[in-house]
N, C-alpha and C. Protein backbone atom coordinates (compact mmCIF):
# COMPACT_ATOMS: atom_id res chain seq x y z
N MET A 1 0.84 -1.17 -0.01
CA MET A 1 -0.01 0.02 -0.01
C MET A 1 0.91 1.25 -0.02
N LYS A 2 0.54 2.20 -0.82
CA LYS A 2 1.26 3.47 -0.85
C LYS A 2 0.25 4.60 -0.85
N VAL A 3 0.42 5.47 0.08
CA VAL A 3 -0.42 6.68 0.14
C VAL A 3 0.53 7.87 0.15
N SER A 4 0.33 8.79 -0.76
CA SER A 4 1.19 9.95 -0.82
C SER A 4 0.31 11.20 -1.06
N ALA A 5 0.81 12.30 -0.59
CA ALA A 5 0.08 13.57 -0.79
C ALA A 5 -0.10 13.84 -2.26
N GLU A 6 0.97 13.55 -3.06
CA GLU A 6 0.90 13.81 -4.48
C GLU A 6 -0.17 12.98 -5.16
N ALA A 7 -0.27 11.69 -4.81
CA ALA A 7 -1.28 10.80 -5.36
C ALA A 7 -2.66 11.23 -5.01
N VAL A 8 -2.85 11.75 -3.79
CA VAL A 8 -4.17 12.20 -3.33
C VAL A 8 -4.51 13.49 -4.01
N GLY A 9 -3.52 14.29 -4.37
CA GLY A 9 -3.77 15.57 -5.01
C GLY A 9 -3.92 16.72 -4.05
N ALA A 10 -3.40 16.54 -2.84
CA ALA A 10 -3.46 17.60 -1.84
C ALA A 10 -2.24 17.46 -0.99
N LEU A 11 -1.35 18.45 -1.07
CA LEU A 11 -0.10 18.39 -0.31
C LEU A 11 -0.37 18.75 1.16
N LYS A 12 0.51 18.19 2.01
CA LYS A 12 0.44 18.53 3.44
C LYS A 12 0.65 20.03 3.56
N PRO A 13 -0.06 20.64 4.49
CA PRO A 13 -0.82 20.12 5.59
C PRO A 13 -2.26 19.81 5.35
N HIS A 14 -2.71 19.86 4.09
CA HIS A 14 -4.13 19.52 3.82
C HIS A 14 -4.42 18.16 4.39
N ARG A 15 -5.54 18.00 5.01
CA ARG A 15 -5.85 16.74 5.67
C ARG A 15 -6.21 15.58 4.77
N ALA A 16 -6.38 15.82 3.47
CA ALA A 16 -6.79 14.80 2.57
C ALA A 16 -5.89 13.60 2.54
N SER A 17 -4.59 13.82 2.53
CA SER A 17 -3.64 12.69 2.50
C SER A 17 -3.65 11.93 3.80
N PHE A 18 -3.83 12.66 4.92
CA PHE A 18 -3.91 11.99 6.22
C PHE A 18 -5.20 11.13 6.28
N ASP A 19 -6.32 11.69 5.77
CA ASP A 19 -7.57 10.93 5.74
C ASP A 19 -7.44 9.70 4.87
N ALA A 20 -6.75 9.84 3.74
CA ALA A 20 -6.55 8.70 2.80
C ALA A 20 -5.76 7.59 3.47
N LEU A 21 -4.76 7.96 4.26
CA LEU A 21 -3.96 6.98 4.98
C LEU A 21 -4.81 6.24 6.00
N SER A 22 -5.59 6.96 6.75
CA SER A 22 -6.46 6.33 7.75
C SER A 22 -7.44 5.36 7.09
N GLU A 23 -8.01 5.78 5.98
CA GLU A 23 -8.93 4.97 5.23
C GLU A 23 -8.26 3.68 4.68
N ALA A 24 -7.07 3.86 4.12
CA ALA A 24 -6.36 2.76 3.52
C ALA A 24 -5.93 1.72 4.60
N LEU A 25 -5.63 2.19 5.77
CA LEU A 25 -5.22 1.29 6.85
C LEU A 25 -6.43 0.68 7.53
N GLY A 26 -7.60 1.34 7.38
CA GLY A 26 -8.77 0.86 8.11
C GLY A 26 -8.65 1.11 9.62
N VAL A 27 -7.95 2.19 9.95
CA VAL A 27 -7.74 2.51 11.36
C VAL A 27 -8.26 3.95 11.60
N PRO A 28 -8.99 4.16 12.69
CA PRO A 28 -9.45 5.50 12.96
C PRO A 28 -8.28 6.47 13.17
N PRO A 29 -8.42 7.71 12.72
CA PRO A 29 -7.30 8.66 12.81
C PRO A 29 -6.74 8.82 14.22
N GLU A 30 -7.60 8.76 15.24
CA GLU A 30 -7.12 8.97 16.59
C GLU A 30 -6.21 7.85 17.09
N GLN A 31 -6.15 6.76 16.31
CA GLN A 31 -5.25 5.64 16.71
C GLN A 31 -3.94 5.68 15.88
N ILE A 32 -3.75 6.71 15.12
CA ILE A 32 -2.55 6.81 14.29
C ILE A 32 -1.64 7.89 14.84
N VAL A 33 -0.36 7.56 14.92
CA VAL A 33 0.67 8.57 15.27
C VAL A 33 1.45 8.93 14.05
N HIS A 34 1.38 10.19 13.64
CA HIS A 34 2.16 10.64 12.50
C HIS A 34 3.43 11.27 13.07
N VAL A 35 4.59 10.82 12.53
CA VAL A 35 5.87 11.40 12.93
C VAL A 35 6.40 12.19 11.78
N GLY A 36 6.73 13.44 12.02
CA GLY A 36 7.29 14.30 10.98
C GLY A 36 8.22 15.32 11.56
N ASP A 37 8.95 15.97 10.71
CA ASP A 37 9.97 16.95 11.17
C ASP A 37 9.51 18.38 11.07
N ARG A 38 8.39 18.62 10.48
CA ARG A 38 7.95 20.03 10.35
C ARG A 38 6.65 20.30 11.08
N GLU A 39 6.68 21.41 11.80
CA GLU A 39 5.50 21.82 12.55
C GLU A 39 4.36 22.23 11.61
N ASP A 40 4.74 23.02 10.57
CA ASP A 40 3.75 23.60 9.69
C ASP A 40 3.00 22.61 8.79
N VAL A 41 3.63 21.51 8.43
CA VAL A 41 2.97 20.59 7.57
C VAL A 41 2.68 19.25 8.22
N ASP A 42 3.65 18.71 8.93
CA ASP A 42 3.44 17.37 9.53
C ASP A 42 2.56 17.43 10.77
N VAL A 43 2.95 18.24 11.74
CA VAL A 43 2.17 18.35 12.97
C VAL A 43 0.78 18.95 12.67
N ALA A 44 0.74 20.03 11.97
CA ALA A 44 -0.54 20.72 11.68
C ALA A 44 -1.48 19.80 10.90
N GLY A 45 -0.98 19.10 9.90
CA GLY A 45 -1.85 18.24 9.10
C GLY A 45 -2.36 17.06 9.88
N ALA A 46 -1.54 16.42 10.65
CA ALA A 46 -1.95 15.28 11.45
C ALA A 46 -3.01 15.70 12.45
N LEU A 47 -2.77 16.79 13.17
CA LEU A 47 -3.74 17.26 14.13
C LEU A 47 -5.10 17.64 13.51
N ALA A 48 -5.02 18.24 12.32
CA ALA A 48 -6.23 18.63 11.61
C ALA A 48 -7.07 17.42 11.22
N ALA A 49 -6.40 16.26 10.98
CA ALA A 49 -7.09 15.03 10.58
C ALA A 49 -7.49 14.26 11.82
N GLY A 50 -7.19 14.71 13.04
CA GLY A 50 -7.55 13.97 14.24
C GLY A 50 -6.58 12.94 14.64
N MET A 51 -5.37 12.95 14.08
CA MET A 51 -4.31 12.00 14.43
C MET A 51 -3.44 12.58 15.59
N ARG A 52 -2.68 11.69 16.18
CA ARG A 52 -1.72 12.14 17.13
C ARG A 52 -0.47 12.54 16.32
N ALA A 53 0.31 13.46 16.87
CA ALA A 53 1.48 13.96 16.13
C ALA A 53 2.70 14.00 17.04
N TRP A 54 3.80 13.46 16.52
CA TRP A 54 5.07 13.54 17.13
C TRP A 54 6.02 14.27 16.20
N ARG A 55 6.93 15.02 16.75
CA ARG A 55 7.84 15.83 15.94
C ARG A 55 9.28 15.44 16.16
N LEU A 56 9.96 15.20 15.03
CA LEU A 56 11.40 14.90 15.08
C LEU A 56 12.16 16.19 14.85
N THR A 57 12.86 16.69 15.87
CA THR A 57 13.57 17.93 15.77
C THR A 57 14.78 17.91 16.67
N SER A 58 15.87 18.51 16.22
CA SER A 58 17.11 18.57 17.03
C SER A 58 17.02 19.74 18.04
N LYS A 59 16.07 20.63 17.82
CA LYS A 59 15.93 21.78 18.71
C LYS A 59 15.06 21.43 19.90
N LYS A 60 15.70 21.29 21.08
CA LYS A 60 14.97 20.84 22.26
C LYS A 60 13.86 21.75 22.71
N ARG A 61 13.95 23.05 22.39
CA ARG A 61 12.91 23.96 22.84
C ARG A 61 12.07 24.52 21.67
N ALA A 62 12.14 23.83 20.58
CA ALA A 62 11.31 24.30 19.43
C ALA A 62 9.84 24.25 19.80
N PRO A 63 9.10 25.34 19.57
CA PRO A 63 7.69 25.33 19.90
C PRO A 63 6.95 24.28 19.05
N THR A 64 6.09 23.53 19.67
CA THR A 64 5.35 22.49 18.93
C THR A 64 4.01 22.22 19.62
N ARG A 65 3.09 21.79 18.80
CA ARG A 65 1.79 21.28 19.32
C ARG A 65 1.83 19.77 19.38
N ALA A 66 2.91 19.17 18.97
CA ALA A 66 3.04 17.72 18.99
C ALA A 66 3.05 17.23 20.45
N GLU A 67 2.51 16.02 20.65
CA GLU A 67 2.52 15.50 22.00
C GLU A 67 3.91 15.00 22.44
N GLN A 68 4.76 14.67 21.50
CA GLN A 68 6.08 14.27 21.84
C GLN A 68 7.09 14.86 20.84
N ARG A 69 8.27 15.14 21.36
CA ARG A 69 9.36 15.65 20.56
C ARG A 69 10.48 14.63 20.64
N LEU A 70 10.94 14.19 19.43
CA LEU A 70 12.06 13.27 19.36
C LEU A 70 13.27 14.01 18.84
N SER A 71 14.38 13.87 19.51
CA SER A 71 15.60 14.56 19.05
C SER A 71 16.44 13.70 18.17
N ARG A 72 16.20 12.40 18.19
CA ARG A 72 16.91 11.51 17.28
C ARG A 72 16.08 10.23 17.10
N TRP A 73 16.31 9.59 16.01
CA TRP A 73 15.55 8.39 15.67
C TRP A 73 16.26 7.21 16.38
N LYS A 74 15.50 6.47 17.15
CA LYS A 74 16.04 5.30 17.79
C LYS A 74 14.97 4.22 17.83
N LEU A 75 15.40 2.96 17.95
CA LEU A 75 14.43 1.86 17.90
C LEU A 75 13.38 1.90 18.94
N ASP A 76 13.70 2.38 20.14
CA ASP A 76 12.71 2.39 21.19
C ASP A 76 11.85 3.70 21.24
N ALA A 77 11.92 4.47 20.19
CA ALA A 77 11.17 5.73 20.17
C ALA A 77 9.68 5.53 20.37
N PHE A 78 9.18 4.37 19.93
CA PHE A 78 7.74 4.13 20.01
C PHE A 78 7.29 3.41 21.26
N ALA A 79 8.24 3.12 22.16
CA ALA A 79 7.90 2.44 23.40
C ALA A 79 6.78 3.10 24.21
N PRO A 80 6.72 4.45 24.24
CA PRO A 80 5.62 5.07 24.97
C PRO A 80 4.21 4.71 24.46
N LEU A 81 4.10 4.32 23.19
CA LEU A 81 2.81 3.94 22.63
C LEU A 81 2.23 2.70 23.29
N TRP A 82 3.09 1.84 23.70
CA TRP A 82 2.61 0.57 24.29
C TRP A 82 2.05 0.78 25.71
N THR A 83 2.45 1.85 26.35
CA THR A 83 1.93 2.11 27.71
C THR A 83 1.10 3.36 27.84
N ASP A 84 1.28 4.35 26.94
CA ASP A 84 0.61 5.62 27.04
C ASP A 84 -0.46 5.84 25.96
N GLY A 85 -0.61 4.91 25.04
CA GLY A 85 -1.52 5.15 23.90
C GLY A 85 -2.96 5.08 24.29
N PRO A 86 -3.85 5.47 23.38
CA PRO A 86 -5.27 5.53 23.63
C PRO A 86 -5.85 4.15 23.95
N GLU A 87 -5.18 3.09 23.57
CA GLU A 87 -5.70 1.72 23.79
C GLU A 87 -5.11 1.10 25.04
N SER A 88 -4.33 1.85 25.79
CA SER A 88 -3.68 1.34 26.99
C SER A 88 -4.66 0.86 28.01
N SER A 89 -4.36 -0.29 28.62
CA SER A 89 -5.24 -0.81 29.64
C SER A 89 -4.81 -0.45 31.06
N SER A 90 -3.68 0.21 31.18
CA SER A 90 -3.18 0.56 32.50
C SER A 90 -3.62 1.93 32.91
């Protein structure tokens, strides 16, 4: 499966590509975490579509509406989803 803003015909931050991804996956948007490096297109677009947003940025104090800020990509970056996500039973 491939979903891209170009194929949908609406570039980020327009919510159409985020909606298309949710539909293609068959997952409600609130259960999707979009990770991107730009506040203006990645975070804004994901939030507009009702998704969770994480931001990858080297600037520790960069203003963001994302719920998490990642300063580097690492394998355990998604560990919080298993305990803090909307489906968490704890």
